[in-house]
Every structure is written in C-alpha cells, then in structure tokens.
C-alpha cells in the first residue's frame, strides 16, 4: 500500500507541475571584459532554439524572452526551458549610453539535461562597431 500511495503522489505532482519534470536549466558564464574605454555597464543574453538565425527570438525561460538584460553579473541561470530542445546562446556587452557590442561566440545547450556553459575564453573581448561610437573609432568591451 505504501508503494501505491507514493506512486500516486508522484503522478499527481508530475501532472500538476509538468514544468518540474519537463524543463531544463542552463547556467551561462563569461569573463568580464577588461576594457576601460568604454566602461562595460552590463550584459545581455540572447537565446533561441534554431541555429544560424539572426532573430534571436528565444522564449520560454522563466526569466523572459530574448534578449535578457542581466546587468553586470558574469553568471546567469535560465530556467524552465523546454526539455529535449537544443538552445543557442550569445552574450553582448553594453555601456552607459546603451551602445551594444557585437555578439560573443555562440554556445549550445545539451537537450538531454541541464547545461553549464562558458561563453568565450579567458580575456574574450566584446566589440562595439565603429559606426556606433562617435569619435572613438572601434572600441572593445
């Protein structure tokens, strides 16, 4: 009787809270930009489930749709992404004037479980296109 009761409780939990059973969590991290001119004031995470598309129109994470402004943190966790789906991620940096860098390299999640992904190598730079920055030429974030 105890086993039957336990199975019934587990089935009810799975039925009432399917996202607990069918969701993946992705933890992203990246290195701080060493650039001081311009000063990086924050980062944005872009994500999507389709590779090689320029829209970066990901949705489904509890934290919101793409892009997600994460402020100045260097590690961020996205939760409740659909299980069994590969997600692609990139990060940009921005300064106090809201100038945004180009995308970092792209990393992908493991569709079979939670992922801990590091974007870029040690000392990765975020580049801001020269046409966005007035009188500074190209700047690295």
Protein backbone atom coordinates (compact mmCIF):
# COMPACT_ATOMS: atom_id res chain seq x y z
CA UNK A 1 0.00 0.00 0.00
CA UNK A 2 2.88 2.38 0.73
CA UNK A 3 4.34 1.95 -2.77
CA UNK A 4 0.97 2.60 -4.39
CA UNK A 5 0.49 5.74 -2.32
CA UNK A 6 3.97 7.01 -3.26
CA UNK A 7 3.35 6.35 -6.96
CA UNK A 8 0.02 8.17 -6.82
CA UNK A 9 1.59 11.21 -5.14
CA UNK A 10 4.40 11.29 -7.72
CA UNK A 11 1.89 11.05 -10.59
CA UNK A 12 -0.16 13.91 -9.16
CA UNK A 13 2.94 16.08 -8.78
CA UNK A 14 4.01 15.39 -12.36
CA UNK A 15 0.53 16.14 -13.69
CA UNK A 16 0.10 19.33 -11.67
CA UNK A 17 3.63 20.63 -12.22
CA UNK A 18 4.77 19.39 -15.63
CA UNK A 19 7.49 22.04 -15.91
CA UNK A 20 9.26 20.46 -12.97
CA UNK A 21 9.51 17.20 -14.86
CA UNK A 22 9.96 18.55 -18.39
CA UNK A 23 12.23 21.56 -18.14
CA UNK A 24 15.91 22.22 -18.49
CA UNK A 25 18.07 24.73 -16.70
CA UNK A 26 21.01 26.40 -18.41
CA UNK A 27 23.71 28.22 -16.47
CA UNK A 28 25.81 30.59 -18.55
CA UNK A 29 29.04 32.29 -17.54
CA UNK A 30 31.52 34.58 -19.28
CA UNK A 31 34.66 36.54 -18.45
CA UNK A 32 34.41 40.23 -17.63
CA UNK A 33 35.67 42.50 -20.34
CA UNK A 34 38.97 44.10 -19.33
CA UNK A 35 38.26 47.20 -21.43
CA UNK A 36 38.00 50.51 -19.59
CA UNK A 37 37.06 52.77 -22.51
CA UNK A 38 34.21 52.47 -22.88
CA UNK A 39 33.31 51.00 -19.50
CA UNK A 40 31.02 47.99 -19.68
CA UNK A 41 27.96 48.57 -17.52
CA UNK A 42 26.07 45.37 -18.29
CA UNK A 43 25.42 42.33 -20.44
CA UNK A 44 22.51 40.88 -22.40
CA UNK A 45 21.84 37.20 -23.07
CA UNK A 46 20.36 36.25 -26.41
CA UNK A 47 18.90 32.80 -26.97
CA UNK A 48 16.89 30.77 -29.46
CA UNK A 49 16.14 27.19 -30.37
CA UNK A 50 17.05 27.45 -34.05
CA UNK A 51 20.68 27.54 -35.16
CA UNK A 52 22.05 30.18 -37.55
CA UNK A 53 19.12 32.59 -37.39
CA UNK A 54 19.70 36.28 -36.85
CA UNK A 55 16.46 37.00 -34.97
CA UNK A 56 17.48 35.70 -31.53
CA UNK A 57 13.79 35.39 -30.71
CA UNK A 58 14.00 32.80 -27.95
CA UNK A 59 11.21 32.47 -25.43
CA UNK A 60 10.09 30.10 -22.73
CA UNK A 61 12.58 30.85 -19.97
CA UNK A 62 11.06 31.99 -16.70
CA UNK A 63 13.42 34.99 -16.85
CA UNK A 64 11.83 36.27 -20.08
CA UNK A 65 12.19 36.36 -23.82
CA UNK A 66 15.42 37.11 -25.64
CA UNK A 67 17.28 39.36 -25.04
CA UNK A 68 17.52 39.28 -21.26
CA UNK A 69 19.32 42.21 -19.64
CA UNK A 70 21.27 40.65 -16.77
CA UNK A 71 23.09 43.77 -15.57
CA UNK A 72 26.72 43.41 -14.58
CA UNK A 73 26.71 39.77 -13.45
CA UNK A 74 29.05 37.24 -15.09
CA UNK A 75 26.94 34.14 -14.42
CA UNK A 76 23.24 33.75 -15.09
CA UNK A 77 20.78 30.87 -14.95
CA UNK A 78 17.82 30.40 -17.29
CA UNK A 79 15.13 28.03 -16.07
CA UNK A 80 12.07 26.25 -17.44
CA UNK A 81 13.40 25.90 -20.98
CA UNK A 82 11.74 23.07 -22.88
CA UNK A 83 13.38 19.72 -22.23
CA UNK A 84 14.75 17.87 -25.24
CA UNK A 85 15.38 21.10 -27.18
CA UNK A 86 18.81 22.46 -28.12
CA UNK A 87 19.12 26.16 -27.29
CA UNK A 88 21.77 28.51 -28.67
CA UNK A 89 23.16 31.39 -26.61
CA UNK A 90 25.26 34.51 -27.15
CA UNK A 91 26.10 37.48 -24.94
CA UNK A 92 26.61 41.16 -25.71
CA UNK A 93 28.06 43.91 -23.55
CA UNK A 94 26.77 47.46 -23.33
CA UNK A 95 27.97 50.79 -21.95
CA UNK A 96 26.23 53.62 -20.07
CA UNK A 97 24.99 55.14 -23.35
CA UNK A 98 23.34 51.83 -24.30
CA UNK A 99 25.84 51.16 -27.10
CA UNK A 100 25.86 47.40 -27.56
CA UNK A 101 28.73 45.20 -28.65
CA UNK A 102 28.66 42.53 -31.30
CA UNK A 103 27.67 39.03 -30.23
CA UNK A 104 30.04 36.75 -28.37
CA UNK A 105 30.68 33.31 -29.78
CA UNK A 106 27.62 31.03 -29.75
CA UNK A 107 27.28 28.07 -27.39
CA UNK A 108 24.57 25.43 -27.27
CA UNK A 109 22.78 23.56 -24.53
CA UNK A 110 22.60 19.81 -24.04
CA UNK A 111 18.99 18.81 -24.83
CA UNK A 112 19.24 15.80 -22.51
CA UNK A 113 19.77 17.66 -19.28
CA UNK A 114 20.92 20.77 -17.51
CA UNK A 115 23.87 22.62 -19.01
CA UNK A 116 26.68 24.70 -17.53
CA UNK A 117 28.15 26.69 -20.41
CA UNK A 118 31.06 29.12 -20.52
CA UNK A 119 30.98 31.67 -23.33
CA UNK A 120 34.35 32.65 -24.72
CA UNK A 121 37.84 32.07 -23.50
CA UNK A 122 39.93 33.94 -20.99
CA UNK A 123 40.09 37.61 -21.91
CA UNK A 124 37.34 37.46 -24.54
CA UNK A 125 36.55 40.91 -25.88
CA UNK A 126 33.17 42.29 -26.87
CA UNK A 127 33.46 44.55 -29.92
CA UNK A 128 31.35 47.63 -30.48
CA UNK A 129 31.11 48.59 -34.16
CA UNK A 130 32.94 51.80 -35.07
CA UNK A 131 29.86 53.39 -36.63
CA UNK A 132 28.04 53.30 -33.28
CA UNK A 133 30.76 55.04 -31.28
CA UNK A 134 31.22 58.69 -32.13
CA UNK A 135 34.78 59.97 -32.32
CA UNK A 136 36.31 56.87 -30.76
CA UNK A 137 36.87 54.56 -33.69
CA UNK A 138 36.16 50.95 -32.87
CA UNK A 139 36.01 50.10 -29.22
CA UNK A 140 36.34 46.80 -27.45
CA UNK A 141 34.18 45.90 -24.50
